[in-house]
C-alpha atoms as a PDB file:
ATOM      1  CA  MET A   1       0.000   0.000   0.000  1.00  0.00           C
ATOM      2  CA  PRO A   2       1.392   3.444  -0.889  1.00  0.00           C
ATOM      3  CA  LYS A   3       2.877   5.822   1.643  1.00  0.00           C
ATOM      4  CA  TYR A   4       2.294   9.528   1.146  1.00  0.00           C
ATOM      5  CA  GLY A   5       4.249  12.249   2.875  1.00  0.00           C
ATOM      6  CA  TYR A   6       3.387  15.842   3.683  1.00  0.00           C
ATOM      7  CA  ALA A   7       5.739  18.663   4.637  1.00  0.00           C
ATOM      8  CA  ARG A   8       4.948  22.283   5.383  1.00  0.00           C
ATOM      9  CA  VAL A   9       6.830  25.371   6.440  1.00  0.00           C
ATOM     10  CA  SER A  10       4.975  28.596   7.217  1.00  0.00           C
ATOM     11  CA  THR A  11       7.779  30.968   8.201  1.00  0.00           C
ATOM     12  CA  VAL A  12      11.470  31.404   7.460  1.00  0.00           C
ATOM     13  CA  GLY A  13      12.183  31.155  11.188  1.00  0.00           C
ATOM     14  CA  GLN A  14      10.919  27.586  11.345  1.00  0.00           C
ATOM     15  CA  SER A  15      14.078  26.411   9.574  1.00  0.00           C
ATOM     16  CA  LYS A  16      15.919  27.126  12.820  1.00  0.00           C
ATOM     17  CA  HIS A  17      13.683  24.823  14.860  1.00  0.00           C
ATOM     18  CA  GLY A  18      13.979  21.534  12.967  1.00  0.00           C
ATOM     19  CA  ASN A  19      10.993  22.319  10.784  1.00  0.00           C
ATOM     20  CA  SER A  20      12.749  23.282   7.553  1.00  0.00           C
ATOM     21  CA  LEU A  21      11.338  21.701   4.403  1.00  0.00           C
ATOM     22  CA  GLU A  22      14.652  19.965   3.716  1.00  0.00           C
ATOM     23  CA  HIS A  23      14.688  18.432   7.203  1.00  0.00           C
ATOM     24  CA  GLN A  24      11.060  17.280   6.948  1.00  0.00           C
ATOM     25  CA  VAL A  25      11.516  15.803   3.448  1.00  0.00           C
ATOM     26  CA  ASN A  26      14.679  13.951   4.547  1.00  0.00           C
ATOM     27  CA  LEU A  27      12.764  12.388   7.458  1.00  0.00           C
ATOM     28  CA  LEU A  28       9.929  11.362   5.137  1.00  0.00           C
ATOM     29  CA  LEU A  29      12.391   9.790   2.667  1.00  0.00           C
ATOM     30  CA  ALA A  30      14.108   7.930   5.519  1.00  0.00           C
ATOM     31  CA  GLU A  31      10.685   6.575   6.502  1.00  0.00           C
ATOM     32  CA  GLY A  32      10.335   5.033   3.031  1.00  0.00           C
ATOM     33  CA  VAL A  33       8.122   7.609   1.344  1.00  0.00           C
ATOM     34  CA  ASP A  34       8.909   7.957  -2.363  1.00  0.00           C
ATOM     35  CA  GLN A  35       9.938  11.484  -3.427  1.00  0.00           C
ATOM     36  CA  SER A  36       7.091  11.565  -5.981  1.00  0.00           C
ATOM     37  CA  PHE A  37       4.558  10.882  -3.181  1.00  0.00           C
ATOM     38  CA  ILE A  38       5.670  13.817  -1.013  1.00  0.00           C
ATOM     39  CA  PHE A  39       3.400  16.878  -1.050  1.00  0.00           C
ATOM     40  CA  VAL A  40       4.823  20.226   0.066  1.00  0.00           C
ATOM     41  CA  ASP A  41       3.271  23.559   1.051  1.00  0.00           C
ATOM     42  CA  ASN A  42       5.598  26.497   1.495  1.00  0.00           C
ATOM     43  CA  PHE A  43       4.135  29.883   2.374  1.00  0.00           C
ATOM     44  CA  THR A  44       4.156  32.757   4.826  1.00  0.00           C
ATOM     45  CA  GLY A  45       1.880  33.049   7.833  1.00  0.00           C
ATOM     46  CA  SER A  46      -0.346  35.539   6.020  1.00  0.00           C
ATOM     47  CA  LYS A  47      -1.522  32.858   3.592  1.00  0.00           C
ATOM     48  CA  MET A  48      -3.672  30.289   5.356  1.00  0.00           C
ATOM     49  CA  ASP A  49      -4.725  27.902   2.579  1.00  0.00           C
ATOM     50  CA  ARG A  50      -2.801  24.666   1.979  1.00  0.00           C
ATOM     51  CA  PRO A  51      -3.420  23.681  -1.656  1.00  0.00           C
ATOM     52  CA  GLU A  52      -1.059  20.691  -1.661  1.00  0.00           C
ATOM     53  CA  PHE A  53      -2.491  19.259   1.549  1.00  0.00           C
ATOM     54  CA  SER A  54      -6.040  19.723   0.213  1.00  0.00           C
ATOM     55  CA  LYS A  55      -5.005  17.819  -2.930  1.00  0.00           C
ATOM     56  CA  LEU A  56      -3.419  15.037  -0.859  1.00  0.00           C
ATOM     57  CA  PHE A  57      -6.425  14.855   1.503  1.00  0.00           C
ATOM     58  CA  ARG A  58      -8.738  14.186  -1.461  1.00  0.00           C
ATOM     59  CA  LEU A  59      -6.328  11.595  -2.891  1.00  0.00           C
ATOM     60  CA  LEU A  60      -5.899   9.431   0.237  1.00  0.00           C
ATOM     61  CA  LYS A  61      -7.971   6.241   0.316  1.00  0.00           C
ATOM     62  CA  ALA A  62      -8.410   3.096   2.426  1.00  0.00           C
ATOM     63  CA  GLY A  63      -5.120   1.262   2.916  1.00  0.00           C
ATOM     64  CA  ASP A  64      -2.939   4.317   2.298  1.00  0.00           C
ATOM     65  CA  THR A  65      -0.561   5.725   4.920  1.00  0.00           C
ATOM     66  CA  LEU A  66       0.034   9.425   5.502  1.00  0.00           C
ATOM     67  CA  VAL A  67       3.422  10.254   7.030  1.00  0.00           C
ATOM     68  CA  VAL A  68       4.181  13.630   8.629  1.00  0.00           C
ATOM     69  CA  THR A  69       6.978  14.669  10.967  1.00  0.00           C
ATOM     70  CA  LYS A  70       4.695  16.402  13.492  1.00  0.00           C
ATOM     71  CA  LEU A  71       0.951  16.878  13.946  1.00  0.00           C
ATOM     72  CA  ASP A  72       1.258  20.649  13.549  1.00  0.00           C
ATOM     73  CA  ARG A  73       2.541  20.212   9.973  1.00  0.00           C
ATOM     74  CA  PHE A  74      -1.000  19.636   8.668  1.00  0.00           C
ATOM     75  CA  ALA A  75      -3.047  21.282  11.415  1.00  0.00           C
ATOM     76  CA  ARG A  76      -2.937  24.820  12.791  1.00  0.00           C
ATOM     77  CA  SER A  77      -4.513  23.762  16.091  1.00  0.00           C
ATOM     78  CA  MET A  78      -5.136  20.628  18.135  1.00  0.00           C
ATOM     79  CA  ILE A  79      -8.851  20.930  17.369  1.00  0.00           C
ATOM     80  CA  GLU A  80      -8.229  20.947  13.632  1.00  0.00           C
ATOM     81  CA  GLY A  81      -5.690  18.132  13.973  1.00  0.00           C
ATOM     82  CA  VAL A  82      -8.154  15.856  15.752  1.00  0.00           C
ATOM     83  CA  LYS A  83     -10.801  16.541  13.100  1.00  0.00           C
ATOM     84  CA  ILE A  84      -8.447  15.721  10.196  1.00  0.00           C
ATOM     85  CA  VAL A  85      -7.075  12.594  11.918  1.00  0.00           C
ATOM     86  CA  ASN A  86     -10.573  11.244  12.585  1.00  0.00           C
ATOM     87  CA  GLN A  87     -11.785  11.926   9.037  1.00  0.00           C
ATOM     88  CA  LEU A  88      -8.805  10.080   7.562  1.00  0.00           C
ATOM     89  CA  ILE A  89      -9.041   7.112   9.952  1.00  0.00           C
ATOM     90  CA  GLU A  90     -12.764   6.762   9.181  1.00  0.00           C
ATOM     91  CA  ARG A  91     -11.739   6.459   5.509  1.00  0.00           C
ATOM     92  CA  GLY A  92      -9.306   3.642   6.396  1.00  0.00           C
ATOM     93  CA  VAL A  93      -6.133   5.749   6.136  1.00  0.00           C
ATOM     94  CA  ARG A  94      -3.273   5.090   8.586  1.00  0.00           C
ATOM     95  CA  ILE A  95      -1.501   8.192   9.878  1.00  0.00           C
ATOM     96  CA  HIS A  96       2.121   7.971  10.940  1.00  0.00           C
ATOM     97  CA  ILE A  97       3.188  11.040  12.913  1.00  0.00           C
ATOM     98  CA  LEU A  98       6.905  10.491  13.376  1.00  0.00           C
ATOM     99  CA  ASN A  99       7.169  12.075  16.838  1.00  0.00           C
ATOM    100  CA  ILE A 100       3.991  10.351  18.122  1.00  0.00           C
ATOM    101  CA  GLY A 101       3.437   7.040  16.338  1.00  0.00           C
ATOM    102  CA  ILE A 102       0.876   5.367  14.085  1.00  0.00           C
ATOM    103  CA  LEU A 103      -2.754   6.397  14.429  1.00  0.00           C
ATOM    104  CA  ASP A 104      -5.394   3.929  13.266  1.00  0.00           C
ATOM    105  CA  ASN A 105      -8.354   2.047  14.778  1.00  0.00           C
ATOM    106  CA  THR A 106      -6.318  -0.045  17.250  1.00  0.00           C
ATOM    107  CA  PRO A 107      -7.029   0.337  21.022  1.00  0.00           C
ATOM    108  CA  THR A 108      -3.672   2.096  21.609  1.00  0.00           C
ATOM    109  CA  SER A 109      -4.331   4.528  18.803  1.00  0.00           C
ATOM    110  CA  LYS A 110      -7.817   5.210  20.127  1.00  0.00           C
ATOM    111  CA  LEU A 111      -6.302   6.029  23.528  1.00  0.00           C
ATOM    112  CA  ILE A 112      -3.889   8.511  21.917  1.00  0.00           C
ATOM    113  CA  ARG A 113      -6.764  10.045  19.949  1.00  0.00           C
ATOM    114  CA  ASN A 114      -8.813  10.389  23.157  1.00  0.00           C
ATOM    115  CA  ILE A 115      -5.893  12.262  24.700  1.00  0.00           C
ATOM    116  CA  PHE A 116      -5.902  14.494  21.601  1.00  0.00           C
ATOM    117  CA  PHE A 117      -9.619  15.069  22.133  1.00  0.00           C
ATOM    118  CA  ALA A 118      -9.023  16.059  25.755  1.00  0.00           C
ATOM    119  CA  PHE A 119      -6.312  18.543  24.767  1.00  0.00           C
ATOM    120  CA  ALA A 120      -8.489  19.872  21.937  1.00  0.00           C
ATOM    121  CA  GLU A 121     -11.378  20.478  24.320  1.00  0.00           C
ATOM    122  CA  PHE A 122      -8.996  22.097  26.807  1.00  0.00           C
ATOM    123  CA  GLU A 123      -7.613  24.356  24.076  1.00  0.00           C
ATOM    124  CA  ARG A 124     -11.132  25.319  22.945  1.00  0.00           C
ATOM    125  CA  ASP A 125     -12.179  26.093  26.552  1.00  0.00           C
ATOM    126  CA  LEU A 126      -9.088  28.251  27.056  1.00  0.00           C
ATOM    127  CA  ILE A 127      -9.873  30.237  23.886  1.00  0.00           C
ATOM    128  CA  ILE A 128     -13.474  30.806  25.063  1.00  0.00           C
ATOM    129  CA  GLU A 129     -12.265  31.813  28.530  1.00  0.00           C
ATOM    130  CA  ARG A 130      -9.655  34.260  27.155  1.00  0.00           C
ATOM    131  CA  THR A 131     -12.235  35.789  24.806  1.00  0.00           C
ATOM    132  CA  ALA A 132     -14.696  36.267  27.674  1.00  0.00           C
ATOM    133  CA  GLU A 133     -11.983  37.788  29.888  1.00  0.00           C
ATOM    134  CA  GLY A 134     -10.904  40.124  27.078  1.00  0.00           C
ATOM    135  CA  LYS A 135     -14.486  41.327  26.571  1.00  0.00           C
ATOM    136  CA  ALA A 136     -14.982  41.840  30.308  1.00  0.00           C
ATOM    137  CA  ILE A 137     -11.833  43.995  30.495  1.00  0.00           C
ATOM    138  CA  ALA A 138     -12.782  45.934  27.352  1.00  0.00           C
ATOM    139  CA  LYS A 139     -16.288  46.652  28.711  1.00  0.00           C
ATOM    140  CA  GLN A 140     -14.746  48.412  31.714  1.00  0.00           C
ATOM    141  CA  LYS A 141     -13.059  50.953  29.441  1.00  0.00           C
ATOM    142  CA  SER A 142     -14.915  54.138  28.582  1.00  0.00           C
ATOM    143  CA  GLY A 143     -16.301  54.312  25.059  1.00  0.00           C
ATOM    144  CA  PHE A 144     -16.535  50.520  24.692  1.00  0.00           C
ATOM    145  CA  ARG A 145     -18.777  49.369  21.853  1.00  0.00           C
ATOM    146  CA  GLU A 146     -19.725  45.762  21.111  1.00  0.00           C
ATOM    147  CA  GLY A 147     -18.820  44.488  17.635  1.00  0.00           C
ATOM    148  CA  ARG A 148     -16.469  45.817  14.998  1.00  0.00           C
ATOM    149  CA  PRO A 149     -15.187  49.395  15.302  1.00  0.00           C
ATOM    150  CA  PRO A 150     -16.815  51.834  12.855  1.00  0.00           C
ATOM    151  CA  LYS A 151     -15.029  52.103   9.509  1.00  0.00           C
ATOM    152  CA  PHE A 152     -15.534  55.864   9.257  1.00  0.00           C
ATOM    153  CA  THR A 153     -15.264  58.545  11.935  1.00  0.00           C
ATOM    154  CA  LYS A 154     -18.089  60.915  12.850  1.00  0.00           C
ATOM    155  CA  LEU A 155     -16.117  63.730  11.211  1.00  0.00           C
ATOM    156  CA  GLN A 156     -15.903  61.806   7.916  1.00  0.00           C
ATOM    157  CA  LEU A 157     -19.622  61.052   7.979  1.00  0.00           C
ATOM    158  CA  ASP A 158     -20.442  64.696   8.873  1.00  0.00           C
ATOM    159  CA  HIS A 159     -18.393  65.809   5.880  1.00  0.00           C
ATOM    160  CA  ALA A 160     -20.122  63.356   3.529  1.00  0.00           C
ATOM    161  CA  ILE A 161     -23.594  64.408   4.694  1.00  0.00           C
ATOM    162  CA  SER A 162     -22.758  68.108   4.383  1.00  0.00           C
ATOM    163  CA  LEU A 163     -21.598  67.529   0.805  1.00  0.00           C
ATOM    164  CA  LEU A 164     -25.067  66.216  -0.069  1.00  0.00           C
ATOM    165  CA  GLN A 165     -26.350  69.803   0.116  1.00  0.00           C
ATOM    166  CA  THR A 166     -24.360  70.744  -2.994  1.00  0.00           C
ATOM    167  CA  HIS A 167     -23.523  67.416  -4.645  1.00  0.00           C
ATOM    168  CA  SER A 168     -25.353  64.317  -5.823  1.00  0.00           C
ATOM    169  CA  MET A 169     -25.064  61.069  -3.887  1.00  0.00           C
ATOM    170  CA  LYS A 170     -22.879  59.615  -6.650  1.00  0.00           C
ATOM    171  CA  GLU A 171     -20.484  62.580  -6.430  1.00  0.00           C
ATOM    172  CA  VAL A 172     -20.310  62.335  -2.631  1.00  0.00           C
ATOM    173  CA  VAL A 173     -19.471  58.619  -2.836  1.00  0.00           C
ATOM    174  CA  SER A 174     -16.735  59.409  -5.378  1.00  0.00           C
ATOM    175  CA  ILE A 175     -15.276  62.255  -3.277  1.00  0.00           C
ATOM    176  CA  THR A 176     -15.399  60.588   0.154  1.00  0.00           C
ATOM    177  CA  ARG A 177     -15.007  56.905  -0.804  1.00  0.00           C
ATOM    178  CA  ILE A 178     -17.865  56.159   1.599  1.00  0.00           C
ATOM    179  CA  SER A 179     -20.449  53.819   0.099  1.00  0.00           C
ATOM    180  CA  GLU A 180     -23.973  54.987  -0.667  1.00  0.00           C
ATOM    181  CA  SER A 181     -25.431  52.375   1.688  1.00  0.00           C
ATOM    182  CA  THR A 182     -23.231  53.644   4.571  1.00  0.00           C
ATOM    183  CA  ILE A 183     -24.277  57.260   3.967  1.00  0.00           C
ATOM    184  CA  LYS A 184     -27.970  56.315   3.747  1.00  0.00           C
ATOM    185  CA  ARG A 185     -27.696  54.200   6.901  1.00  0.00           C
ATOM    186  CA  GLU A 186     -26.112  57.154   8.743  1.00  0.00           C
ATOM    187  CA  LEU A 187     -28.854  59.473   7.486  1.00  0.00           C
ATOM    188  CA  ARG A 188     -31.559  57.107   8.745  1.00  0.00           C
ATOM    189  CA  LYS A 189     -29.797  56.769  12.103  1.00  0.00           C
ATOM    190  CA  ARG A 190     -29.556  60.527  12.544  1.00  0.00           C
ATOM    191  CA  ARG A 191     -33.173  61.064  11.541  1.00  0.00           C
ATOM    192  CA  SER A 192     -34.365  58.473  14.080  1.00  0.00           C
ATOM    193  CA  GLN A 193     -32.129  59.906  16.824  1.00  0.00           C
ATOM    194  CA  TYR A 194     -32.543  63.610  16.225  1.00  0.00           C
ATOM    195  CA  GLY A 195     -35.521  63.880  13.901  1.00  0.00           C
ATOM    196  CA  GLN A 196     -33.292  65.672  11.424  1.00  0.00           C
ATOM    197  CA  VAL A 197     -29.907  65.471   9.712  1.00  0.00           C
END
C-alpha cells in the first residue's frame, strides 16, 4: 500500500527549529516515502490555505498511509488536527506522525486520539475563557462598543452628509469613498435619533 508524505513550512524562522522543508523531506524519505509521493506547502503566515495538503487529503484512500513529521505540519490547532485525523481514519487511512506514532483504529491509537480530544477540548475552553476575559476587560473601558469598530469617523460622515447639500449622492461617494449604503444608513440613524440630519 502506498505511503504519502506531507511537509509544510509557514515561516522562514521555522528552519531554525527543525521544521525546515529539507529536514522534513529527509525524514519522510528515511521513513520510506517515495519522493514523488511527497506533497509540500511552502508559504508565509499571512496565507492560510494549503493547496497541496487539500489535494493530498482528497487523494488518500483506504489502505494508504500518511506520514508527517509532526501533527502541527498539517493542522494549525489541536482541534483541527483531531478533526483531520478522525476523518482520515474513518476512511481507512493510517496516519504515521513520526514524533507520536501510528494512528489507526487499534485500542492504543484510540487512547492517543482520546488524549488528543481532551487537549483539543482544553484548548477550545481556554480560547473561550480568554475571549470572555478580554471582553470583560474591554467593557470596563470608557467608550466601549460591542462588535467591529466603525469604519468611518463621525467627522468623515459629517463631511459626507454636508456635501449632499451641494452634490449628488454619486459625487459624494466618489469624493469621500464612503459607500452609498453607509451614507444612507447614517442618514436614517440621525433622523431616528434627532428627527433631522
